[in-house]
């Protein structure tokens, strides 16, 4: 065999290997290969090993994994004219590789820009309190709107989360004062409810003590024990409950009357004392002393 023939066979083998390397394509499980034949889309292939026609077919790989894209901080003016800086994060993935390649030039950049503009638009329509309290509803609304815009590109937005809300320093101080005033209001209301319940309980206790006078004596003795347990110089003068009961009975005695049924008024203590001290008109008086001129 001549040397030229050997060179020819070697060149053919190398050319065959080059053509075979250009025709063989391997696509991973999380990727798809969009095939263009003479500039026309014939479909998406993969995953695994497949062949294309060299110099005629062209393949574009598309990643189907979920992409996490940070939305840069955006200056937002809320509905109640509060200036904020808000950043968020977007989670999306490609569900149609052909549309992601044909319908949009760079689906990742386009999705990021749509997320930024939608974030400013939606947060400008809500108030500050709703932004802080209704975060889940705002996230759901953002996800729905962005997904509707990216659906023609074959991109599915699965989640949008507002991460951080930067408030101005003056607004933070105002919110701090508001929270402090709210706490003080709650404390006053709780204290008032406590006073009301205490007064109601004391009223019920007073009714029970009035119905059972012996309970008052027991309570008095218990108080004396509690006070005497402390080493101090407090002097206690207990008033017996029997004495109070006797005074109550005497105050409720009926007024005496004469034989004819007429009620005679009780003489006042001062009048009775004067009547006792004055001499009776029937008693003999002693000799009158002459007046000294």
Protein backbone atom coordinates (compact mmCIF):
# COMPACT_ATOMS: atom_id res chain seq x y z
CA UNK A 1 0.00 0.00 0.00
CA UNK A 2 1.39 3.35 -1.01
CA UNK A 3 2.07 6.20 1.33
CA UNK A 4 -0.42 8.51 -0.43
CA UNK A 5 -3.18 5.97 0.06
CA UNK A 6 -2.41 5.78 3.73
CA UNK A 7 -2.60 9.54 4.04
CA UNK A 8 -5.90 9.53 2.20
CA UNK A 9 -7.39 6.89 4.47
CA UNK A 10 -6.17 8.75 7.55
CA UNK A 11 -7.64 12.02 6.33
CA UNK A 12 -10.97 10.34 5.59
CA UNK A 13 -11.08 8.85 9.07
CA UNK A 14 -10.33 12.22 10.65
CA UNK A 15 -13.01 13.89 8.53
CA UNK A 16 -15.47 11.19 9.48
CA UNK A 17 -14.69 11.68 13.13
CA UNK A 18 -15.15 15.45 12.81
CA UNK A 19 -18.50 14.99 11.08
CA UNK A 20 -19.57 12.45 13.66
CA UNK A 21 -18.55 14.79 16.49
CA UNK A 22 -20.55 17.58 14.89
CA UNK A 23 -23.58 15.37 14.44
CA UNK A 24 -23.71 13.88 17.92
CA UNK A 25 -25.43 15.92 20.63
CA UNK A 26 -25.92 15.07 24.30
CA UNK A 27 -28.46 16.98 26.39
CA UNK A 28 -28.74 16.69 30.17
CA UNK A 29 -31.92 15.82 32.02
CA UNK A 30 -32.62 19.44 32.98
CA UNK A 31 -32.00 20.77 29.45
CA UNK A 32 -33.68 20.69 26.07
CA UNK A 33 -32.17 21.24 22.64
CA UNK A 34 -34.15 23.39 20.21
CA UNK A 35 -33.19 22.33 16.63
CA UNK A 36 -33.11 24.82 13.77
CA UNK A 37 -32.81 23.28 10.29
CA UNK A 38 -31.88 25.83 7.68
CA UNK A 39 -33.26 28.50 9.98
CA UNK A 40 -36.58 26.81 10.68
CA UNK A 41 -37.55 25.28 14.02
CA UNK A 42 -38.21 21.57 13.83
CA UNK A 43 -38.74 21.05 17.59
CA UNK A 44 -37.00 20.42 20.87
CA UNK A 45 -35.07 17.24 21.59
CA UNK A 46 -33.66 15.68 24.69
CA UNK A 47 -32.67 14.62 27.18
CA UNK A 48 -30.08 12.07 26.14
CA UNK A 49 -28.13 11.36 22.94
CA UNK A 50 -29.37 12.30 19.45
CA UNK A 51 -27.94 13.28 16.07
CA UNK A 52 -28.23 16.38 13.92
CA UNK A 53 -27.11 17.11 10.39
CA UNK A 54 -23.83 19.06 10.48
CA UNK A 55 -23.77 22.41 8.70
CA UNK A 56 -27.54 22.20 8.23
CA UNK A 57 -28.94 21.89 11.73
CA UNK A 58 -28.20 24.20 14.64
CA UNK A 59 -29.05 23.44 18.25
CA UNK A 60 -29.78 25.91 21.08
CA UNK A 61 -29.78 24.56 24.61
CA UNK A 62 -32.44 25.78 27.04
CA UNK A 63 -32.21 25.24 30.79
CA UNK A 64 -35.44 24.08 32.42
CA UNK A 65 -34.31 24.54 36.04
CA UNK A 66 -35.98 27.09 38.29
CA UNK A 67 -34.13 30.39 38.17
CA UNK A 68 -33.87 32.63 41.24
CA UNK A 69 -33.64 36.26 40.20
CA UNK A 70 -33.21 39.14 42.65
CA UNK A 71 -35.18 42.29 41.92
CA UNK A 72 -32.93 45.27 42.71
CA UNK A 73 -34.19 47.77 45.33
CA UNK A 74 -36.87 49.98 43.82
CA UNK A 75 -37.93 53.46 44.98
CA UNK A 76 -41.68 53.24 45.45
CA UNK A 77 -44.25 55.87 46.46
CA UNK A 78 -47.23 54.21 48.12
CA UNK A 79 -50.84 55.25 47.84
CA UNK A 80 -50.59 57.31 51.05
CA UNK A 81 -47.48 59.18 49.71
CA UNK A 82 -44.79 57.33 51.67
CA UNK A 83 -41.44 56.85 49.92
CA UNK A 84 -39.97 53.37 50.32
CA UNK A 85 -37.17 51.22 48.99
CA UNK A 86 -38.39 47.69 48.31
CA UNK A 87 -36.54 44.68 46.95
CA UNK A 88 -37.93 41.28 46.05
CA UNK A 89 -37.03 37.90 44.60
CA UNK A 90 -38.60 36.04 41.67
CA UNK A 91 -38.66 32.29 41.00
CA UNK A 92 -39.40 31.19 37.41
CA UNK A 93 -38.60 28.39 34.97
CA UNK A 94 -39.02 27.60 31.27
CA UNK A 95 -41.94 25.31 30.42
CA UNK A 96 -41.83 25.70 26.62
CA UNK A 97 -38.27 25.71 25.24
CA UNK A 98 -39.31 26.59 21.69
CA UNK A 99 -41.20 29.73 22.69
CA UNK A 100 -38.44 30.71 25.13
CA UNK A 101 -35.99 30.74 22.20
CA UNK A 102 -38.23 32.05 19.41
CA UNK A 103 -40.61 34.47 21.14
CA UNK A 104 -38.07 36.42 23.21
CA UNK A 105 -34.42 37.26 22.72
CA UNK A 106 -33.35 36.90 26.36
CA UNK A 107 -36.10 35.54 28.54
CA UNK A 108 -34.13 35.93 31.80
CA UNK A 109 -33.45 39.63 31.27
CA UNK A 110 -37.00 40.26 30.06
CA UNK A 111 -38.52 38.49 33.08
CA UNK A 112 -36.33 40.52 35.45
CA UNK A 113 -37.41 43.81 33.83
CA UNK A 114 -41.09 42.84 33.93
CA UNK A 115 -40.75 41.97 37.62
CA UNK A 116 -39.20 45.38 38.42
CA UNK A 117 -41.86 47.42 36.61
CA UNK A 118 -44.70 45.33 38.04
CA UNK A 119 -43.30 45.70 41.56
CA UNK A 120 -43.28 49.51 41.29
CA UNK A 121 -46.74 49.56 39.71
CA UNK A 122 -48.46 47.31 42.27
CA UNK A 123 -46.84 48.79 45.38
CA UNK A 124 -47.79 52.28 44.20
CA UNK A 125 -51.45 51.28 44.47
CA UNK A 126 -51.39 50.07 48.08
CA UNK A 127 -51.00 51.87 51.39
CA UNK A 128 -48.13 51.40 53.81
CA UNK A 129 -50.22 49.48 56.35
CA UNK A 130 -51.41 47.04 53.67
CA UNK A 131 -47.83 46.55 52.47
CA UNK A 132 -46.71 45.64 55.99
CA UNK A 133 -49.71 43.55 57.01
CA UNK A 134 -50.98 41.98 53.78
CA UNK A 135 -47.66 40.77 52.39
CA UNK A 136 -49.04 37.42 51.21
CA UNK A 137 -51.84 39.02 49.19
CA UNK A 138 -49.39 41.41 47.50
CA UNK A 139 -47.01 38.55 46.68
CA UNK A 140 -49.85 36.57 45.12
CA UNK A 141 -50.96 39.56 43.08
CA UNK A 142 -47.40 40.16 41.83
CA UNK A 143 -46.99 36.51 40.88
CA UNK A 144 -50.26 36.47 38.92
CA UNK A 145 -49.50 39.62 36.95
CA UNK A 146 -45.90 38.70 36.09
CA UNK A 147 -46.90 35.17 35.11
CA UNK A 148 -49.57 36.50 32.74
CA UNK A 149 -46.97 38.72 31.05
CA UNK A 150 -44.31 36.01 30.70
CA UNK A 151 -46.67 33.20 29.65
CA UNK A 152 -46.34 33.98 25.88
CA UNK A 153 -42.57 33.50 26.24
CA UNK A 154 -42.94 29.98 27.64
CA UNK A 155 -41.82 31.12 31.10
CA UNK A 156 -43.72 30.15 34.25
CA UNK A 157 -43.37 32.42 37.31
CA UNK A 158 -43.92 30.24 40.36
CA UNK A 159 -43.30 32.68 43.21
CA UNK A 160 -42.63 36.35 43.93
CA UNK A 161 -41.62 37.41 47.43
CA UNK A 162 -41.15 40.95 48.77
CA UNK A 163 -38.00 40.58 50.87
CA UNK A 164 -37.27 43.90 52.55
CA UNK A 165 -39.04 47.23 53.00
CA UNK A 166 -36.75 50.12 53.94
CA UNK A 167 -38.65 52.87 55.75
CA UNK A 168 -37.38 56.44 56.21
CA UNK A 169 -36.06 57.29 59.65
CA UNK A 170 -38.86 59.78 60.31
CA UNK A 171 -41.46 57.17 59.45
CA UNK A 172 -39.81 54.67 61.78
CA UNK A 173 -39.97 57.14 64.66
CA UNK A 174 -43.62 57.91 63.89
CA UNK A 175 -44.47 54.21 63.85
CA UNK A 176 -42.61 53.75 67.13
CA UNK A 177 -44.66 56.52 68.76
CA UNK A 178 -47.83 55.00 67.37
CA UNK A 179 -46.96 51.57 68.76
CA UNK A 180 -46.12 53.10 72.15
CA UNK A 181 -49.44 54.97 72.26
CA UNK A 182 -51.30 51.79 71.31
CA UNK A 183 -49.59 49.86 74.10
CA UNK A 184 -50.43 52.58 76.60
CA UNK A 185 -54.06 52.57 75.49
CA UNK A 186 -54.27 48.82 75.94
CA UNK A 187 -52.71 49.05 79.41
CA UNK A 188 -55.24 51.67 80.48
CA UNK A 189 -58.14 49.60 79.17
CA UNK A 190 -56.85 46.49 80.95
CA UNK A 191 -56.39 48.46 84.17
CA UNK A 192 -59.94 49.82 83.92
CA UNK A 193 -61.33 46.31 83.38
CA UNK A 194 -59.37 45.14 86.40
CA UNK A 195 -60.77 47.93 88.57
CA UNK A 196 -64.30 47.12 87.39
CA UNK A 197 -63.94 43.43 88.17
CA UNK A 198 -62.37 44.22 91.57
CA UNK A 199 -65.23 46.58 92.45
CA UNK A 200 -67.77 43.98 91.39
CA UNK A 201 -66.07 41.30 93.50
CA UNK A 202 -65.90 43.64 96.51
CA UNK A 203 -69.59 44.38 96.13
CA UNK A 204 -70.42 40.68 96.16
CA UNK A 205 -68.16 40.16 99.18
CA UNK A 206 -69.88 43.00 101.02
CA UNK A 207 -73.28 41.44 100.33
CA UNK A 208 -72.10 38.10 101.71
CA UNK A 209 -70.64 39.73 104.82
CA UNK A 210 -73.88 41.63 105.39
CA UNK A 211 -75.90 38.41 105.17
CA UNK A 212 -73.52 36.55 107.51
CA UNK A 213 -72.24 38.82 110.34
CA UNK A 214 -70.07 36.04 111.79
CA UNK A 215 -68.03 36.06 108.57
CA UNK A 216 -67.12 39.68 109.31
CA UNK A 217 -65.69 38.66 112.70
CA UNK A 218 -63.70 35.85 111.08
CA UNK A 219 -62.37 38.21 108.47
CA UNK A 220 -61.38 40.68 111.20
CA UNK A 221 -59.49 37.99 113.09
CA UNK A 222 -57.76 36.88 109.89
CA UNK A 223 -56.67 40.44 109.18
CA UNK A 224 -55.31 40.75 112.74
CA UNK A 225 -53.27 37.58 112.22
CA UNK A 226 -51.86 38.89 108.94
CA UNK A 227 -50.93 42.24 110.45
CA UNK A 228 -49.46 40.78 113.64
CA UNK A 229 -47.24 38.45 111.59
CA UNK A 230 -45.17 41.45 110.52
CA UNK A 231 -42.81 42.83 113.12
CA UNK A 232 -43.95 46.42 113.36
CA UNK A 233 -45.46 48.80 115.92
CA UNK A 234 -48.99 48.80 114.55
CA UNK A 235 -51.71 48.88 117.26
CA UNK A 236 -55.03 47.22 116.52
CA UNK A 237 -58.24 48.08 118.39
CA UNK A 238 -60.84 45.58 117.23
CA UNK A 239 -64.46 46.49 117.67
CA UNK A 240 -66.56 43.43 118.54
CA UNK A 241 -69.22 42.63 116.01
CA UNK A 242 -71.68 41.99 118.90
CA UNK A 243 -71.37 45.62 119.96
CA UNK A 244 -72.17 46.78 116.45
CA UNK A 245 -75.11 44.41 116.37
CA UNK A 246 -76.39 45.75 119.74
CA UNK A 247 -76.19 49.32 118.49
CA UNK A 248 -78.10 48.29 115.37
CA UNK A 249 -80.86 46.66 117.48
CA UNK A 250 -81.17 49.69 119.77
CA UNK A 251 -81.48 52.01 116.83
CA UNK A 252 -84.38 49.90 115.50
CA UNK A 253 -86.45 49.86 118.81
CA UNK A 254 -90.04 51.24 118.54
CA UNK A 255 -90.91 54.68 119.90
CA UNK A 256 -92.91 54.49 123.27
CA UNK A 257 -96.50 55.72 123.38
CA UNK A 258 -98.94 56.72 126.20
CA UNK A 259 -102.04 54.82 127.25
CA UNK A 260 -104.35 56.49 124.74
CA UNK A 261 -102.29 55.30 121.83
CA UNK A 262 -100.63 58.61 121.17
CA UNK A 263 -96.95 58.53 120.36
CA UNK A 264 -94.89 60.56 122.72
CA UNK A 265 -91.65 61.96 121.49
CA UNK A 266 -88.51 60.84 123.14
CA UNK A 267 -86.79 63.62 125.04
CA UNK A 268 -83.51 64.58 123.56
CA UNK A 269 -80.46 63.72 125.66
CA UNK A 270 -79.71 67.37 126.37
CA UNK A 271 -83.32 68.14 127.34
CA UNK A 272 -83.45 65.11 129.61
CA UNK A 273 -80.31 66.18 131.39
CA UNK A 274 -81.68 69.70 131.90
CA UNK A 275 -84.97 68.33 133.23
CA UNK A 276 -83.12 66.16 135.72
CA UNK A 277 -80.97 69.00 136.93
CA UNK A 278 -83.89 71.52 137.36
CA UNK A 279 -85.66 71.49 140.85
CA UNK A 280 -89.24 70.39 141.10
CA UNK A 281 -91.80 73.20 141.72
CA UNK A 282 -93.33 71.29 144.64
CA UNK A 283 -90.11 71.12 146.60
CA UNK A 284 -89.67 73.83 149.29
CA UNK A 285 -87.18 76.42 148.53
CA UNK A 286 -84.74 77.74 151.09
CA UNK A 287 -84.79 81.29 152.46
CA UNK A 288 -84.03 83.83 149.86
CA UNK A 289 -80.92 85.80 150.38
CA UNK A 290 -81.31 89.55 150.59
CA UNK A 291 -79.90 91.38 147.69
CA UNK A 292 -76.82 93.33 148.50
CA UNK A 293 -77.09 96.89 147.32
